[in-house]
Each structure stands twice: as C-alpha cells, then as structure tokens.
Amino acid sequence: MIDNKAIGKAIVYIENNLFEPIAACDVAKACSYSYYHFHRYFQAVMGETIGSYIRTRRLTQAAWDLVHSEKKILDIGISLYFETAESFTRAFKDRYSMTPTDYRKNGLDVLIGNRPPAQIFDNTLYTYTDLTPQIVTISEIYIMGIGFKTTINGNESIAMWQFFNQQIPDPFINNKRFGIFEAGENCSSDIFSTHSETTAFVGIEFPKEQPIPEDMQRKILCGGKYARFIHTGMVKNLMQTYHYIWGVWFPKSGYELDNRDDFECYTKRFTGENMENSEIEIYFPIK
C-alpha cells in the first residue's frame, strides 16, 4: 500500500525540479513506486494527475516571477518548459483569465493572495515529507495571556513568550501553550502577506472559571474544523513550513480558510526551539 508520505515526497521532488524537464514517470520513480500505481494514487489524493499538478505549479511560479522579478515574459515561459510564447500565454490566460503582460502590469498575485510559493532548500527537504495534515474538530478553548501587534516576517512572538513565561502562575506552568494570529481585515486571502500587521496572542490553556491576574487577558479560541499540521524541527525553520502550507498545500487542498484565528499549540512534544525532534502543532481554520 502506498503511504501518504509519498505524496509529500512527490511534491518536494516537483518543487526542486520545477525548472527541469520532468515527467510524471520521473516523479513516481523518485518516490520508488511504479508509475502504473502511483499516478492513480496521486490523482485520488490530489484531485488531478501528476502532469496537471506540474503544469499548474509552473503557472503559479510564472505568476510569482512576473510580479517579483525583472525577467522577460518569454524567458519565464521558456524556463518553465512552455514551448512557445503562444502556448505560455494561452495556458496562463486559461488559469488567470488574463495575459502574462496584463498580470505583470497590474502587479497581481491572485492565486495565493500575495503569499510566495514554497521556497524549499536542499537542507530542509525532510521537513516536508510528513506535512499531510489531519482534519480535526475541536471544542472552544479558554486561554490566559497577553496580546500584541506583529507580522509573520517580523515576528515578536519569541520576545513576548520570554516575558509571558515569567508570569505564569505555578499551578498552570505545564498547561498547553498557544501562539495565536488573530483573524481580521488584514488576513483576507486577497491582501494578506507575511508583512501584513496583525494582532497576536500568546498564552496558556486556563480554566474558564479561574480568575486571571490583572495584567493578563482572557481569550476564547473558537472551536470548529481545523487542518492540523505538525512542524518537526527547530523554530528557525518554522517559516519554511508556513511557506509550504500556503504555497503548496492550500492551493491544492480544496479547502477554504474560515474567518477564525489560526494558531500554534505547544505541548510536551515541544522540547525546545533548537531541538531537531521538537514538535509544534499548527492549526488552520477551514470551512
């Protein structure tokens, strides 16, 4: 039986060979499965063939390059193995309902809302083979902590955690910790980027009836359906995991983000920010 990890491995292989002349059979071979079995499994899980996925991902990369590079439009198309300018323009227009020229002129980044495609480097490939999420439903959670403003790129969470950890009452020191990026107008998919300012919250799970200290805030984390990912490794690589989720998983998942907070959960499996085996649970709200 083909393991779900093979899908992650296939996506990693495609990401790292996007500018190479790869075919569906090459992807299957990289995952050590026969093409006969693997292409059917890939289509069942991803909802499209391997070849279609490669083509779609190349168009996503083309869209990124049009906005974020000075490359000639023809060079972008050729580098991604569209044989002619006409074939590139036709495929791009079918996908984005406009020509590459108009897309660049308008400075758009419509497919993933200004979020960059996954930037995967050789020394971090292993982190992506196990990133198939579990779809879970959780009940609301009551949290005590502190709120602040931040961005993804200019994350203030580490400093806020250092301050908050000194304030936790002893009876609750081992409770689950939560890092929350709060939903708001700046988090809509069409304008959100890693530079968008948002409000955030760090805290611990806290009994609903328990009074909180005067210098703390109480927050209710909404229950509902979430896609739960597990980041394994050092905290400094966490941004690369988010790039994968935003740039690869969400565009192909068929799920739509719900207007609730996404958050990180730190359990006993989080063994430290510099530990290779440390785990952080990442929850994205979905409809």
Protein backbone atom coordinates (compact mmCIF):
# COMPACT_ATOMS: atom_id res chain seq x y z
CA MET A 1 0.00 0.00 0.00
CA ILE A 2 1.29 3.46 -0.90
CA ASP A 3 2.00 5.62 2.16
CA ASN A 4 0.64 9.18 2.41
CA LYS A 5 4.20 10.38 2.91
CA ALA A 6 4.83 9.57 -0.76
CA ILE A 7 2.59 12.49 -1.77
CA GLY A 8 4.72 14.87 0.27
CA LYS A 9 7.86 13.37 -1.24
CA ALA A 10 6.41 13.78 -4.73
CA ILE A 11 5.59 17.44 -4.11
CA VAL A 12 9.07 18.08 -2.74
CA TYR A 13 10.58 16.46 -5.84
CA ILE A 14 8.40 18.60 -8.13
CA GLU A 15 9.29 21.78 -6.22
CA ASN A 16 13.00 21.11 -6.58
CA ASN A 17 12.77 20.21 -10.26
CA LEU A 18 10.29 22.84 -11.39
CA PHE A 19 12.81 24.25 -13.87
CA GLU A 20 13.85 20.82 -15.15
CA PRO A 21 12.19 18.69 -17.89
CA ILE A 22 10.44 16.30 -15.51
CA ALA A 23 7.55 13.98 -16.39
CA ALA A 24 5.03 12.08 -14.30
CA CYS A 25 7.08 8.88 -14.54
CA ASP A 26 10.10 10.73 -13.07
CA VAL A 27 8.04 11.73 -10.04
CA ALA A 28 6.85 8.16 -9.48
CA LYS A 29 10.41 6.87 -9.79
CA ALA A 30 11.64 9.44 -7.25
CA CYS A 31 9.07 8.07 -4.81
CA SER A 32 10.18 4.47 -5.54
CA TYR A 33 6.79 3.41 -6.92
CA SER A 34 5.69 2.21 -10.32
CA TYR A 35 4.01 4.82 -12.47
CA TYR A 36 1.07 2.46 -13.01
CA HIS A 37 0.15 2.51 -9.31
CA PHE A 38 1.42 5.91 -8.21
CA HIS A 39 -0.27 8.14 -10.78
CA ARG A 40 -3.67 6.71 -9.77
CA TYR A 41 -2.95 7.25 -6.10
CA PHE A 42 -1.71 10.80 -6.72
CA GLN A 43 -4.84 11.66 -8.67
CA ALA A 44 -7.12 10.21 -5.99
CA VAL A 45 -5.42 12.22 -3.22
CA MET A 46 -4.70 15.48 -5.06
CA GLY A 47 -7.70 15.57 -7.39
CA GLU A 48 -5.64 15.84 -10.58
CA THR A 49 -2.94 13.96 -12.45
CA ILE A 50 0.77 14.40 -11.75
CA GLY A 51 1.20 16.09 -15.12
CA SER A 52 -1.62 18.53 -14.43
CA TYR A 53 -0.17 19.33 -11.00
CA ILE A 54 3.26 20.07 -12.50
CA ARG A 55 1.71 22.35 -15.11
CA THR A 56 -0.40 24.19 -12.53
CA ARG A 57 2.57 24.62 -10.21
CA ARG A 58 4.67 26.00 -13.08
CA LEU A 59 1.96 28.54 -13.81
CA THR A 60 1.96 29.52 -10.14
CA GLN A 61 5.72 30.01 -10.34
CA ALA A 62 5.32 32.01 -13.55
CA ALA A 63 2.82 34.29 -11.81
CA TRP A 64 5.26 34.79 -8.96
CA ASP A 65 8.15 35.59 -11.33
CA LEU A 66 6.04 38.06 -13.32
CA VAL A 67 5.40 40.17 -10.23
CA HIS A 68 8.61 39.64 -8.29
CA SER A 69 11.32 39.57 -10.97
CA GLU A 70 12.51 41.58 -13.95
CA LYS A 71 12.76 38.53 -16.23
CA LYS A 72 11.37 38.84 -19.74
CA ILE A 73 7.97 37.24 -20.11
CA LEU A 74 9.21 34.90 -22.85
CA ASP A 75 12.16 33.83 -20.69
CA ILE A 76 9.82 33.00 -17.82
CA GLY A 77 7.69 30.80 -20.06
CA ILE A 78 10.65 29.00 -21.64
CA SER A 79 12.36 28.42 -18.27
CA LEU A 80 9.22 26.59 -17.13
CA TYR A 81 9.05 24.44 -20.28
CA PHE A 82 6.30 26.13 -22.24
CA GLU A 83 7.48 25.56 -25.79
CA THR A 84 6.35 28.85 -27.34
CA ALA A 85 5.19 32.29 -26.28
CA GLU A 86 1.75 31.43 -27.61
CA SER A 87 1.43 28.23 -25.58
CA PHE A 88 2.57 30.02 -22.42
CA THR A 89 0.14 32.92 -22.95
CA ARG A 90 -2.74 30.55 -23.69
CA ALA A 91 -2.11 28.38 -20.61
CA PHE A 92 -1.62 31.42 -18.39
CA LYS A 93 -4.80 33.09 -19.61
CA ASP A 94 -6.77 29.88 -19.09
CA ARG A 95 -5.57 29.82 -15.50
CA TYR A 96 -5.71 33.53 -14.56
CA SER A 97 -8.20 34.98 -17.10
CA MET A 98 -5.63 37.50 -18.29
CA THR A 99 -2.40 37.55 -20.26
CA PRO A 100 1.02 37.49 -18.57
CA THR A 101 1.53 41.09 -19.76
CA ASP A 102 -1.67 42.29 -18.06
CA TYR A 103 -0.87 40.29 -14.93
CA ARG A 104 2.55 41.97 -14.62
CA LYS A 105 1.13 45.40 -15.44
CA ASN A 106 -1.41 45.14 -12.63
CA GLY A 107 1.08 43.76 -10.10
CA LEU A 108 -1.30 40.97 -9.15
CA ASP A 109 -0.64 37.89 -7.08
CA VAL A 110 -4.11 36.38 -7.14
CA LEU A 111 -3.66 32.64 -6.73
CA ILE A 112 -2.32 32.63 -3.20
CA GLY A 113 -3.04 36.19 -2.08
CA ASN A 114 0.49 37.65 -2.15
CA ARG A 115 1.86 34.58 -0.40
CA PRO A 116 5.05 33.28 -2.02
CA PRO A 117 5.26 29.76 -3.42
CA ALA A 118 7.16 27.30 -1.27
CA GLN A 119 10.86 28.03 -1.13
CA ILE A 120 12.39 24.63 -0.38
CA PHE A 121 16.11 24.20 0.05
CA ASP A 122 18.17 21.01 0.00
CA ASN A 123 18.95 21.06 3.71
CA THR A 124 15.29 21.30 4.71
CA LEU A 125 13.63 18.82 2.36
CA TYR A 126 12.98 16.28 5.08
CA THR A 127 10.60 18.64 6.85
CA TYR A 128 8.06 18.46 4.02
CA THR A 129 7.54 14.74 3.57
CA ASP A 130 5.40 14.44 6.71
CA LEU A 131 3.26 17.55 6.32
CA THR A 132 0.00 15.93 5.32
CA PRO A 133 -2.45 17.50 7.80
CA GLN A 134 -5.06 15.80 9.93
CA ILE A 135 -8.53 17.33 9.66
CA VAL A 136 -9.85 17.69 13.20
CA THR A 137 -12.77 19.28 15.04
CA ILE A 138 -12.00 20.89 18.38
CA SER A 139 -14.07 22.45 21.16
CA GLU A 140 -13.55 26.06 22.25
CA ILE A 141 -10.50 26.63 24.44
CA TYR A 142 -10.11 29.23 27.19
CA ILE A 143 -6.70 30.92 27.32
CA MET A 144 -4.96 33.40 29.61
CA GLY A 145 -2.18 35.52 28.14
CA ILE A 146 -1.11 38.77 26.52
CA GLY A 147 -1.89 40.34 23.13
CA PHE A 148 0.42 42.36 20.86
CA LYS A 149 0.89 43.51 17.26
CA THR A 150 3.22 41.69 14.89
CA THR A 151 3.86 40.43 11.36
CA ILE A 152 4.88 36.95 10.22
CA ASN A 153 8.28 38.13 8.96
CA GLY A 154 8.87 40.49 11.90
CA ASN A 155 7.57 38.06 14.47
CA GLU A 156 7.60 39.42 18.02
CA SER A 157 6.40 36.14 19.48
CA ILE A 158 9.73 34.97 20.90
CA ALA A 159 10.17 38.16 22.96
CA MET A 160 6.57 38.03 24.12
CA TRP A 161 6.92 34.36 25.10
CA GLN A 162 10.02 35.16 27.15
CA PHE A 163 8.10 37.82 29.02
CA PHE A 164 4.91 35.77 29.42
CA ASN A 165 6.69 32.62 30.65
CA GLN A 166 7.87 34.58 33.68
CA GLN A 167 4.29 35.49 34.60
CA ILE A 168 2.63 32.05 34.51
CA PRO A 169 1.20 31.00 37.91
CA ASP A 170 2.94 27.86 39.21
CA PRO A 171 -0.16 25.57 39.25
CA PHE A 172 -0.56 26.09 35.49
CA ILE A 173 3.08 26.05 34.37
CA ASN A 174 2.67 22.75 32.48
CA ASN A 175 -0.54 23.66 30.65
CA LYS A 176 -0.62 23.75 26.87
CA ARG A 177 0.71 26.98 25.40
CA PHE A 178 -0.83 28.75 22.41
CA GLY A 179 0.53 31.27 19.94
CA ILE A 180 -2.40 32.83 18.06
CA PHE A 181 -2.52 35.02 14.95
CA GLU A 182 -5.87 36.75 15.20
CA ALA A 183 -8.20 36.93 12.19
CA GLY A 184 -9.02 40.39 10.91
CA GLU A 185 -9.34 42.57 7.81
CA ASN A 186 -5.61 42.29 7.07
CA CYS A 187 -5.87 38.49 6.99
CA SER A 188 -8.18 38.16 3.99
CA SER A 189 -6.69 35.95 1.31
CA ASP A 190 -6.54 38.68 -1.35
CA ILE A 191 -4.34 41.10 0.62
CA PHE A 192 -2.58 39.03 3.28
CA SER A 193 1.20 38.74 3.11
CA THR A 194 3.99 37.94 5.56
CA HIS A 195 4.44 41.73 6.01
CA SER A 196 0.81 42.41 6.95
CA GLU A 197 0.42 43.66 10.51
CA THR A 198 -1.94 41.67 12.65
CA THR A 199 -2.67 41.23 16.32
CA ALA A 200 -1.34 38.15 18.06
CA PHE A 201 -1.75 36.49 21.43
CA VAL A 202 0.43 34.18 23.50
CA GLY A 203 -0.97 32.28 26.44
CA ILE A 204 -1.78 29.05 28.21
CA GLU A 205 -4.92 26.98 28.49
CA PHE A 206 -6.70 28.24 31.59
CA PRO A 207 -9.90 27.12 33.39
CA LYS A 208 -12.97 29.09 32.35
CA GLU A 209 -13.96 29.83 35.94
CA GLN A 210 -10.43 30.70 37.15
CA PRO A 211 -9.81 34.44 37.83
CA ILE A 212 -6.87 35.83 35.87
CA PRO A 213 -4.21 38.31 37.07
CA GLU A 214 -4.93 41.99 36.41
CA ASP A 215 -2.10 42.35 33.89
CA MET A 216 -3.35 39.40 31.79
CA GLN A 217 -6.15 38.98 29.26
CA ARG A 218 -8.57 36.15 28.66
CA LYS A 219 -9.23 34.83 25.17
CA ILE A 220 -11.62 32.21 23.81
CA LEU A 221 -10.23 30.15 20.96
CA CYS A 222 -13.19 29.22 18.76
CA GLY A 223 -13.98 25.57 18.22
CA GLY A 224 -14.67 24.08 14.83
CA LYS A 225 -12.91 22.32 11.97
CA TYR A 226 -9.15 22.77 11.51
CA ALA A 227 -6.33 21.41 9.39
CA ARG A 228 -3.66 20.38 11.89
CA PHE A 229 -0.05 20.27 10.69
CA ILE A 230 2.96 19.12 12.72
CA HIS A 231 6.17 21.12 12.31
CA THR A 232 9.11 18.97 13.37
CA GLY A 233 12.45 20.66 13.96
CA MET A 234 13.91 23.95 15.05
CA VAL A 235 11.81 27.09 15.40
CA LYS A 236 14.03 28.93 12.91
CA ASN A 237 12.67 26.63 10.16
CA LEU A 238 9.04 27.30 11.06
CA MET A 239 8.63 29.94 8.35
CA GLN A 240 9.57 27.38 5.68
CA THR A 241 6.77 25.14 6.94
CA TYR A 242 4.33 28.03 6.60
CA HIS A 243 5.59 28.65 3.04
CA TYR A 244 4.84 25.03 2.21
CA ILE A 245 1.35 25.17 3.72
CA TRP A 246 0.46 28.44 1.99
CA GLY A 247 2.23 27.89 -1.32
CA VAL A 248 1.71 24.19 -1.92
CA TRP A 249 -0.89 22.58 0.32
CA PHE A 250 -3.67 25.17 0.46
CA PRO A 251 -3.85 25.92 -3.29
CA LYS A 252 -4.28 22.20 -3.96
CA SER A 253 -6.30 21.17 -0.91
CA GLY A 254 -9.79 22.19 -1.99
CA TYR A 255 -10.34 23.70 1.46
CA GLU A 256 -11.28 27.32 2.13
CA LEU A 257 -9.94 29.23 5.12
CA ASP A 258 -12.58 30.17 7.65
CA ASN A 259 -12.67 33.55 9.40
CA ARG A 260 -11.31 32.27 12.70
CA ASP A 261 -7.89 32.56 14.32
CA ASP A 262 -5.11 30.24 13.22
CA PHE A 263 -2.75 29.19 15.96
CA GLU A 264 0.25 27.20 17.12
CA CYS A 265 -0.02 24.77 20.04
CA TYR A 266 3.00 23.85 22.17
CA THR A 267 2.60 20.58 24.05
CA LYS A 268 5.09 18.36 25.90
CA ARG A 269 6.38 17.30 22.47
CA PHE A 270 7.85 20.79 22.08
CA THR A 271 11.29 20.13 23.55
CA GLY A 272 12.94 23.47 22.77
CA GLU A 273 13.42 25.96 19.94
CA ASN A 274 16.76 24.47 18.82
CA MET A 275 15.88 20.77 19.06
CA GLU A 276 15.63 18.72 15.85
CA ASN A 277 12.90 16.46 17.29
CA SER A 278 10.79 19.29 18.70
CA GLU A 279 7.17 19.45 17.51
CA ILE A 280 4.78 22.38 17.07
CA GLU A 281 1.15 21.82 16.13
CA ILE A 282 -0.17 24.34 13.60
CA TYR A 283 -3.94 24.76 13.20
CA PHE A 284 -5.62 26.48 10.24
CA PRO A 285 -9.41 27.03 10.44
CA ILE A 286 -11.25 25.59 7.44
CA LYS A 287 -14.86 25.56 6.30
